[in-house]
Amino acid sequence: MKNFIFISPNFPENYWHFCRELKNNGLNVLGIGDASYESLPFYTKIALTEYYRVSGLEDYEEVYRACAYFVFKHGHIDWL
C-alpha cells in the first residue's frame, strides 16, 4: 500500500474530499497538523488513516519527527 502524508488536512476545510479520494484509491492517508484530533471535522477524521499532531507546522524538527514516525510505523512514504 502506498503512503501519502497530507500536511494540515483540516485547512482549508473542504480538503477532506481530497483525503477521502486518496483513501478510496487504496492509499494510507497520514495527516500532520497543528490542530487537535478532536477539533478535526468528522469527514476529515474518517478520511485519515492516522493523524499526528505537532505544536506548530513551522517547527521543522517536529514535522520531521512526525514523518519519521510514519515511516517507522507504515513504511516508505510515497508522497508528501
PDB file of N, CA and C in Angstrom:
ATOM      1  N   MET A   1       0.836  -1.179   0.000  1.00  0.00           N
ATOM      2  CA  MET A   1       0.000   0.000   0.000  1.00  0.00           C
ATOM      3  C   MET A   1       0.879   1.238   0.000  1.00  0.00           C
ATOM      4  N   LYS A   2       0.478   2.238  -0.714  1.00  0.00           N
ATOM      5  CA  LYS A   2       1.239   3.476  -0.800  1.00  0.00           C
ATOM      6  C   LYS A   2       0.827   4.430   0.317  1.00  0.00           C
ATOM      7  N   ASN A   3       1.795   5.215   0.758  1.00  0.00           N
ATOM      8  CA  ASN A   3       1.583   6.136   1.869  1.00  0.00           C
ATOM      9  C   ASN A   3       1.682   7.575   1.400  1.00  0.00           C
ATOM     10  N   PHE A   4       0.709   8.372   1.780  1.00  0.00           N
ATOM     11  CA  PHE A   4       0.619   9.785   1.418  1.00  0.00           C
ATOM     12  C   PHE A   4       0.523  10.594   2.699  1.00  0.00           C
ATOM     13  N   ILE A   5       1.484  11.499   2.912  1.00  0.00           N
ATOM     14  CA  ILE A   5       1.402  12.391   4.066  1.00  0.00           C
ATOM     15  C   ILE A   5       0.752  13.683   3.604  1.00  0.00           C
ATOM     16  N   PHE A   6      -0.315  14.043   4.293  1.00  0.00           N
ATOM     17  CA  PHE A   6      -1.048  15.262   3.991  1.00  0.00           C
ATOM     18  C   PHE A   6      -0.802  16.241   5.131  1.00  0.00           C
ATOM     19  N   ILE A   7      -0.192  17.387   4.808  1.00  0.00           N
ATOM     20  CA  ILE A   7       0.104  18.406   5.801  1.00  0.00           C
ATOM     21  C   ILE A   7      -1.129  19.285   5.990  1.00  0.00           C
ATOM     22  N   SER A   8      -1.549  19.443   7.213  1.00  0.00           N
ATOM     23  CA  SER A   8      -2.691  20.258   7.601  1.00  0.00           C
ATOM     24  C   SER A   8      -3.961  19.852   6.837  1.00  0.00           C
ATOM     25  N   PRO A   9      -4.425  18.628   7.045  1.00  0.00           N
ATOM     26  CA  PRO A   9      -5.584  18.131   6.293  1.00  0.00           C
ATOM     27  C   PRO A   9      -6.894  18.837   6.628  1.00  0.00           C
ATOM     28  N   ASN A  10      -6.894  19.640   7.668  1.00  0.00           N
ATOM     29  CA  ASN A  10      -8.115  20.331   8.060  1.00  0.00           C
ATOM     30  C   ASN A  10      -8.232  21.739   7.491  1.00  0.00           C
ATOM     31  N   PHE A  11      -7.228  22.199   6.749  1.00  0.00           N
ATOM     32  CA  PHE A  11      -7.277  23.547   6.198  1.00  0.00           C
ATOM     33  C   PHE A  11      -6.815  23.558   4.754  1.00  0.00           C
ATOM     34  N   PRO A  12      -7.592  24.120   3.877  1.00  0.00           N
ATOM     35  CA  PRO A  12      -8.957  24.583   4.080  1.00  0.00           C
ATOM     36  C   PRO A  12      -9.903  23.423   4.376  1.00  0.00           C
ATOM     37  N   GLU A  13     -11.041  23.774   4.940  1.00  0.00           N
ATOM     38  CA  GLU A  13     -11.950  22.769   5.481  1.00  0.00           C
ATOM     39  C   GLU A  13     -12.431  21.758   4.446  1.00  0.00           C
ATOM     40  N   ASN A  14     -12.496  22.137   3.177  1.00  0.00           N
ATOM     41  CA  ASN A  14     -13.001  21.214   2.148  1.00  0.00           C
ATOM     42  C   ASN A  14     -11.942  20.244   1.620  1.00  0.00           C
ATOM     43  N   TYR A  15     -10.719  20.267   2.152  1.00  0.00           N
ATOM     44  CA  TYR A  15      -9.675  19.351   1.672  1.00  0.00           C
ATOM     45  C   TYR A  15      -9.923  17.899   2.066  1.00  0.00           C
ATOM     46  N   TRP A  16     -10.886  17.660   2.944  1.00  0.00           N
ATOM     47  CA  TRP A  16     -11.187  16.282   3.301  1.00  0.00           C
ATOM     48  C   TRP A  16     -11.624  15.487   2.078  1.00  0.00           C
ATOM     49  N   HIS A  17     -12.186  16.167   1.073  1.00  0.00           N
ATOM     50  CA  HIS A  17     -12.597  15.475  -0.155  1.00  0.00           C
ATOM     51  C   HIS A  17     -11.384  14.817  -0.823  1.00  0.00           C
ATOM     52  N   PHE A  18     -10.275  15.540  -0.875  1.00  0.00           N
ATOM     53  CA  PHE A  18      -9.053  15.014  -1.482  1.00  0.00           C
ATOM     54  C   PHE A  18      -8.536  13.821  -0.689  1.00  0.00           C
ATOM     55  N   CYS A  19      -8.534  13.952   0.644  1.00  0.00           N
ATOM     56  CA  CYS A  19      -8.102  12.840   1.508  1.00  0.00           C
ATOM     57  C   CYS A  19      -8.991  11.622   1.293  1.00  0.00           C
ATOM     58  N   ARG A  20     -10.289  11.833   1.203  1.00  0.00           N
ATOM     59  CA  ARG A  20     -11.228  10.720   1.008  1.00  0.00           C
ATOM     60  C   ARG A  20     -10.947   9.993  -0.300  1.00  0.00           C
ATOM     61  N   GLU A  21     -10.704  10.730  -1.364  1.00  0.00           N
ATOM     62  CA  GLU A  21     -10.453  10.089  -2.660  1.00  0.00           C
ATOM     63  C   GLU A  21      -9.125   9.347  -2.675  1.00  0.00           C
ATOM     64  N   LEU A  22      -8.119   9.871  -2.000  1.00  0.00           N
ATOM     65  CA  LEU A  22      -6.857   9.136  -1.878  1.00  0.00           C
ATOM     66  C   LEU A  22      -7.100   7.811  -1.171  1.00  0.00           C
ATOM     67  N   LYS A  23      -7.843   7.857  -0.060  1.00  0.00           N
ATOM     68  CA  LYS A  23      -8.138   6.644   0.696  1.00  0.00           C
ATOM     69  C   LYS A  23      -8.968   5.678  -0.139  1.00  0.00           C
ATOM     70  N   ASN A  24      -9.946   6.188  -0.887  1.00  0.00           N
ATOM     71  CA  ASN A  24     -10.776   5.340  -1.754  1.00  0.00           C
ATOM     72  C   ASN A  24      -9.965   4.665  -2.853  1.00  0.00           C
ATOM     73  N   ASN A  25      -8.818   5.245  -3.186  1.00  0.00           N
ATOM     74  CA  ASN A  25      -7.950   4.674  -4.206  1.00  0.00           C
ATOM     75  C   ASN A  25      -6.836   3.820  -3.612  1.00  0.00           C
ATOM     76  N   GLY A  26      -6.992   3.452  -2.328  1.00  0.00           N
ATOM     77  CA  GLY A  26      -6.088   2.486  -1.727  1.00  0.00           C
ATOM     78  C   GLY A  26      -4.861   3.043  -1.038  1.00  0.00           C
ATOM     79  N   LEU A  27      -4.774   4.334  -0.830  1.00  0.00           N
ATOM     80  CA  LEU A  27      -3.605   4.907  -0.170  1.00  0.00           C
ATOM     81  C   LEU A  27      -3.851   5.054   1.322  1.00  0.00           C
ATOM     82  N   ASN A  28      -2.779   4.952   2.097  1.00  0.00           N
ATOM     83  CA  ASN A  28      -2.812   5.334   3.504  1.00  0.00           C
ATOM     84  C   ASN A  28      -2.658   6.844   3.534  1.00  0.00           C
ATOM     85  N   VAL A  29      -3.630   7.540   4.072  1.00  0.00           N
ATOM     86  CA  VAL A  29      -3.555   8.996   4.168  1.00  0.00           C
ATOM     87  C   VAL A  29      -3.167   9.334   5.602  1.00  0.00           C
ATOM     88  N   LEU A  30      -1.968   9.854   5.757  1.00  0.00           N
ATOM     89  CA  LEU A  30      -1.383  10.132   7.064  1.00  0.00           C
ATOM     90  C   LEU A  30      -1.309  11.642   7.230  1.00  0.00           C
ATOM     91  N   GLY A  31      -2.033  12.168   8.205  1.00  0.00           N
ATOM     92  CA  GLY A  31      -2.097  13.612   8.389  1.00  0.00           C
ATOM     93  C   GLY A  31      -1.146  14.120   9.445  1.00  0.00           C
ATOM     94  N   ILE A  32      -0.563  15.281   9.171  1.00  0.00           N
ATOM     95  CA  ILE A  32       0.248  16.002  10.146  1.00  0.00           C
ATOM     96  C   ILE A  32      -0.335  17.402  10.233  1.00  0.00           C
ATOM     97  N   GLY A  33      -0.660  17.826  11.445  1.00  0.00           N
ATOM     98  CA  GLY A  33      -1.225  19.155  11.600  1.00  0.00           C
ATOM     99  C   GLY A  33      -1.050  19.690  12.998  1.00  0.00           C
ATOM    100  N   ASP A  34      -1.414  20.965  13.161  1.00  0.00           N
ATOM    101  CA  ASP A  34      -1.280  21.596  14.471  1.00  0.00           C
ATOM    102  C   ASP A  34      -2.610  21.699  15.210  1.00  0.00           C
ATOM    103  N   ALA A  35      -3.679  21.212  14.621  1.00  0.00           N
ATOM    104  CA  ALA A  35      -4.984  21.191  15.294  1.00  0.00           C
ATOM    105  C   ALA A  35      -5.118  19.903  16.096  1.00  0.00           C
ATOM    106  N   SER A  36      -5.876  19.957  17.167  1.00  0.00           N
ATOM    107  CA  SER A  36      -6.098  18.738  17.931  1.00  0.00           C
ATOM    108  C   SER A  36      -6.959  17.779  17.116  1.00  0.00           C
ATOM    109  N   TYR A  37      -6.773  16.498  17.360  1.00  0.00           N
ATOM    110  CA  TYR A  37      -7.558  15.499  16.626  1.00  0.00           C
ATOM    111  C   TYR A  37      -9.051  15.704  16.879  1.00  0.00           C
ATOM    112  N   GLU A  38      -9.408  16.039  18.094  1.00  0.00           N
ATOM    113  CA  GLU A  38     -10.812  16.227  18.454  1.00  0.00           C
ATOM    114  C   GLU A  38     -11.458  17.378  17.679  1.00  0.00           C
ATOM    115  N   SER A  39     -10.666  18.373  17.277  1.00  0.00           N
ATOM    116  CA  SER A  39     -11.219  19.526  16.566  1.00  0.00           C
ATOM    117  C   SER A  39     -11.335  19.309  15.059  1.00  0.00           C
ATOM    118  N   LEU A  40     -10.783  18.195  14.559  1.00  0.00           N
ATOM    119  CA  LEU A  40     -10.894  17.920  13.125  1.00  0.00           C
ATOM    120  C   LEU A  40     -12.346  17.620  12.771  1.00  0.00           C
ATOM    121  N   PRO A  41     -12.795  18.087  11.599  1.00  0.00           N
ATOM    122  CA  PRO A  41     -14.151  17.750  11.165  1.00  0.00           C
ATOM    123  C   PRO A  41     -14.307  16.232  11.016  1.00  0.00           C
ATOM    124  N   PHE A  42     -15.503  15.753  11.245  1.00  0.00           N
ATOM    125  CA  PHE A  42     -15.796  14.317  11.202  1.00  0.00           C
ATOM    126  C   PHE A  42     -15.297  13.677   9.909  1.00  0.00           C
ATOM    127  N   TYR A  43     -15.589  14.280   8.772  1.00  0.00           N
ATOM    128  CA  TYR A  43     -15.216  13.672   7.493  1.00  0.00           C
ATOM    129  C   TYR A  43     -13.705  13.662   7.271  1.00  0.00           C
ATOM    130  N   THR A  44     -13.015  14.604   7.873  1.00  0.00           N
ATOM    131  CA  THR A  44     -11.550  14.579   7.802  1.00  0.00           C
ATOM    132  C   THR A  44     -11.020  13.400   8.603  1.00  0.00           C
ATOM    133  N   LYS A  45     -11.578  13.189   9.802  1.00  0.00           N
ATOM    134  CA  LYS A  45     -11.135  12.086  10.649  1.00  0.00           C
ATOM    135  C   LYS A  45     -11.300  10.738   9.957  1.00  0.00           C
ATOM    136  N   ILE A  46     -12.442  10.516   9.325  1.00  0.00           N
ATOM    137  CA  ILE A  46     -12.661   9.196   8.712  1.00  0.00           C
ATOM    138  C   ILE A  46     -11.879   9.032   7.415  1.00  0.00           C
ATOM    139  N   ALA A  47     -11.404  10.137   6.827  1.00  0.00           N
ATOM    140  CA  ALA A  47     -10.604  10.040   5.604  1.00  0.00           C
ATOM    141  C   ALA A  47      -9.136   9.753   5.893  1.00  0.00           C
ATOM    142  N   LEU A  48      -8.704   9.990   7.138  1.00  0.00           N
ATOM    143  CA  LEU A  48      -7.308   9.778   7.502  1.00  0.00           C
ATOM    144  C   LEU A  48      -7.093   8.388   8.080  1.00  0.00           C
ATOM    145  N   THR A  49      -5.983   7.778   7.727  1.00  0.00           N
ATOM    146  CA  THR A  49      -5.573   6.520   8.348  1.00  0.00           C
ATOM    147  C   THR A  49      -5.033   6.792   9.742  1.00  0.00           C
ATOM    148  N   GLU A  50      -4.252   7.862   9.866  1.00  0.00           N
ATOM    149  CA  GLU A  50      -3.672   8.228  11.153  1.00  0.00           C
ATOM    150  C   GLU A  50      -3.350   9.713  11.121  1.00  0.00           C
ATOM    151  N   TYR A  51      -3.343  10.312  12.293  1.00  0.00           N
ATOM    152  CA  TYR A  51      -3.069  11.751  12.417  1.00  0.00           C
ATOM    153  C   TYR A  51      -2.011  11.960  13.495  1.00  0.00           C
ATOM    154  N   TYR A  52      -1.070  12.850  13.221  1.00  0.00           N
ATOM    155  CA  TYR A  52      -0.002  13.186  14.163  1.00  0.00           C
ATOM    156  C   TYR A  52      -0.059  14.690  14.398  1.00  0.00           C
ATOM    157  N   ARG A  53      -0.254  15.062  15.642  1.00  0.00           N
ATOM    158  CA  ARG A  53      -0.337  16.482  15.975  1.00  0.00           C
ATOM    159  C   ARG A  53       1.032  17.025  16.344  1.00  0.00           C
ATOM    160  N   VAL A  54       1.350  18.185  15.782  1.00  0.00           N
ATOM    161  CA  VAL A  54       2.571  18.908  16.129  1.00  0.00           C
ATOM    162  C   VAL A  54       2.143  20.247  16.734  1.00  0.00           C
ATOM    163  N   SER A  55       3.015  20.868  17.503  1.00  0.00           N
ATOM    164  CA  SER A  55       2.651  22.143  18.122  1.00  0.00           C
ATOM    165  C   SER A  55       2.640  23.275  17.107  1.00  0.00           C
ATOM    166  N   GLY A  56       3.432  23.145  16.060  1.00  0.00           N
ATOM    167  CA  GLY A  56       3.465  24.168  15.015  1.00  0.00           C
ATOM    168  C   GLY A  56       4.051  23.607  13.738  1.00  0.00           C
ATOM    169  N   LEU A  57       3.435  23.900  12.618  1.00  0.00           N
ATOM    170  CA  LEU A  57       3.929  23.388  11.335  1.00  0.00           C
ATOM    171  C   LEU A  57       5.199  24.103  10.881  1.00  0.00           C
ATOM    172  N   GLU A  58       5.539  25.209  11.538  1.00  0.00           N
ATOM    173  CA  GLU A  58       6.769  25.936  11.202  1.00  0.00           C
ATOM    174  C   GLU A  58       7.997  25.303  11.845  1.00  0.00           C
ATOM    175  N   ASP A  59       7.791  24.391  12.792  1.00  0.00           N
ATOM    176  CA  ASP A  59       8.886  23.734  13.508  1.00  0.00           C
ATOM    177  C   ASP A  59       9.374  22.532  12.690  1.00  0.00           C
ATOM    178  N   TYR A  60      10.449  22.747  11.947  1.00  0.00           N
ATOM    179  CA  TYR A  60      10.969  21.720  11.038  1.00  0.00           C
ATOM    180  C   TYR A  60      11.263  20.415  11.763  1.00  0.00           C
ATOM    181  N   GLU A  61      11.931  20.495  12.910  1.00  0.00           N
ATOM    182  CA  GLU A  61      12.326  19.281  13.632  1.00  0.00           C
ATOM    183  C   GLU A  61      11.112  18.468  14.064  1.00  0.00           C
ATOM    184  N   GLU A  62      10.074  19.130  14.515  1.00  0.00           N
ATOM    185  CA  GLU A  62       8.887  18.425  14.968  1.00  0.00           C
ATOM    186  C   GLU A  62       8.157  17.755  13.804  1.00  0.00           C
ATOM    187  N   VAL A  63       8.051  18.451  12.683  1.00  0.00           N
ATOM    188  CA  VAL A  63       7.409  17.861  11.500  1.00  0.00           C
ATOM    189  C   VAL A  63       8.267  16.707  10.966  1.00  0.00           C
ATOM    190  N   TYR A  64       9.583  16.870  11.020  1.00  0.00           N
ATOM    191  CA  TYR A  64      10.494  15.811  10.602  1.00  0.00           C
ATOM    192  C   TYR A  64      10.300  14.547  11.454  1.00  0.00           C
ATOM    193  N   ARG A  65      10.175  14.733  12.773  1.00  0.00           N
ATOM    194  CA  ARG A  65       9.934  13.595  13.666  1.00  0.00           C
ATOM    195  C   ARG A  65       8.591  12.930  13.381  1.00  0.00           C
ATOM    196  N   ALA A  66       7.590  13.721  13.031  1.00  0.00           N
ATOM    197  CA  ALA A  66       6.276  13.162  12.678  1.00  0.00           C
ATOM    198  C   ALA A  66       6.404  12.304  11.424  1.00  0.00           C
ATOM    199  N   CYS A  67       7.146  12.775  10.432  1.00  0.00           N
ATOM    200  CA  CYS A  67       7.364  11.991   9.209  1.00  0.00           C
ATOM    201  C   CYS A  67       8.143  10.719   9.522  1.00  0.00           C
ATOM    202  N   ALA A  68       9.162  10.834  10.366  1.00  0.00           N
ATOM    203  CA  ALA A  68       9.952   9.655  10.739  1.00  0.00           C
ATOM    204  C   ALA A  68       9.092   8.624  11.458  1.00  0.00           C
ATOM    205  N   TYR A  69       8.186   9.083  12.296  1.00  0.00           N
ATOM    206  CA  TYR A  69       7.266   8.175  12.979  1.00  0.00           C
ATOM    207  C   TYR A  69       6.416   7.417  11.964  1.00  0.00           C
ATOM    208  N   PHE A  70       5.891   8.125  10.992  1.00  0.00           N
ATOM    209  CA  PHE A  70       5.065   7.472   9.968  1.00  0.00           C
ATOM    210  C   PHE A  70       5.880   6.477   9.139  1.00  0.00           C
ATOM    211  N   VAL A  71       7.121   6.798   8.844  1.00  0.00           N
ATOM    212  CA  VAL A  71       7.982   5.858   8.118  1.00  0.00           C
ATOM    213  C   VAL A  71       8.203   4.606   8.960  1.00  0.00           C
ATOM    214  N   PHE A  72       8.476   4.788  10.234  1.00  0.00           N
ATOM    215  CA  PHE A  72       8.699   3.660  11.130  1.00  0.00           C
ATOM    216  C   PHE A  72       7.454   2.774  11.204  1.00  0.00           C
ATOM    217  N   LYS A  73       6.292   3.386  11.315  1.00  0.00           N
ATOM    218  CA  LYS A  73       5.061   2.633  11.518  1.00  0.00           C
ATOM    219  C   LYS A  73       4.451   2.095  10.228  1.00  0.00           C
ATOM    220  N   HIS A  74       4.524   2.866   9.128  1.00  0.00           N
ATOM    221  CA  HIS A  74       3.822   2.474   7.899  1.00  0.00           C
ATOM    222  C   HIS A  74       4.738   2.141   6.732  1.00  0.00           C
ATOM    223  N   GLY A  75       6.018   2.409   6.878  1.00  0.00           N
ATOM    224  CA  GLY A  75       6.950   2.122   5.797  1.00  0.00           C
ATOM    225  C   GLY A  75       7.193   3.349   4.914  1.00  0.00           C
ATOM    226  N   HIS A  76       7.751   3.084   3.779  1.00  0.00           N
ATOM    227  CA  HIS A  76       8.150   4.126   2.819  1.00  0.00           C
ATOM    228  C   HIS A  76       7.022   5.120   2.558  1.00  0.00           C
ATOM    229  N   ILE A  77       7.359   6.404   2.531  1.00  0.00           N
ATOM    230  CA  ILE A  77       6.391   7.448   2.193  1.00  0.00           C
ATOM    231  C   ILE A  77       6.525   7.720   0.693  1.00  0.00           C
ATOM    232  N   ASP A  78       5.407   7.607  -0.010  1.00  0.00           N
ATOM    233  CA  ASP A  78       5.417   7.796  -1.458  1.00  0.00           C
ATOM    234  C   ASP A  78       5.191   9.235  -1.885  1.00  0.00           C
ATOM    235  N   TRP A  79       4.365   9.955  -1.145  1.00  0.00           N
ATOM    236  CA  TRP A  79       4.077  11.352  -1.469  1.00  0.00           C
ATOM    237  C   TRP A  79       3.923  12.151  -0.197  1.00  0.00           C
ATOM    238  N   LEU A  80       4.295  13.439  -0.305  1.00  0.00           N
ATOM    239  CA  LEU A  80       4.151  14.359   0.815  1.00  0.00           C
ATOM    240  C   LEU A  80       3.441  15.584   0.297  1.00  0.00           C
TER     241      LEU A  80
END
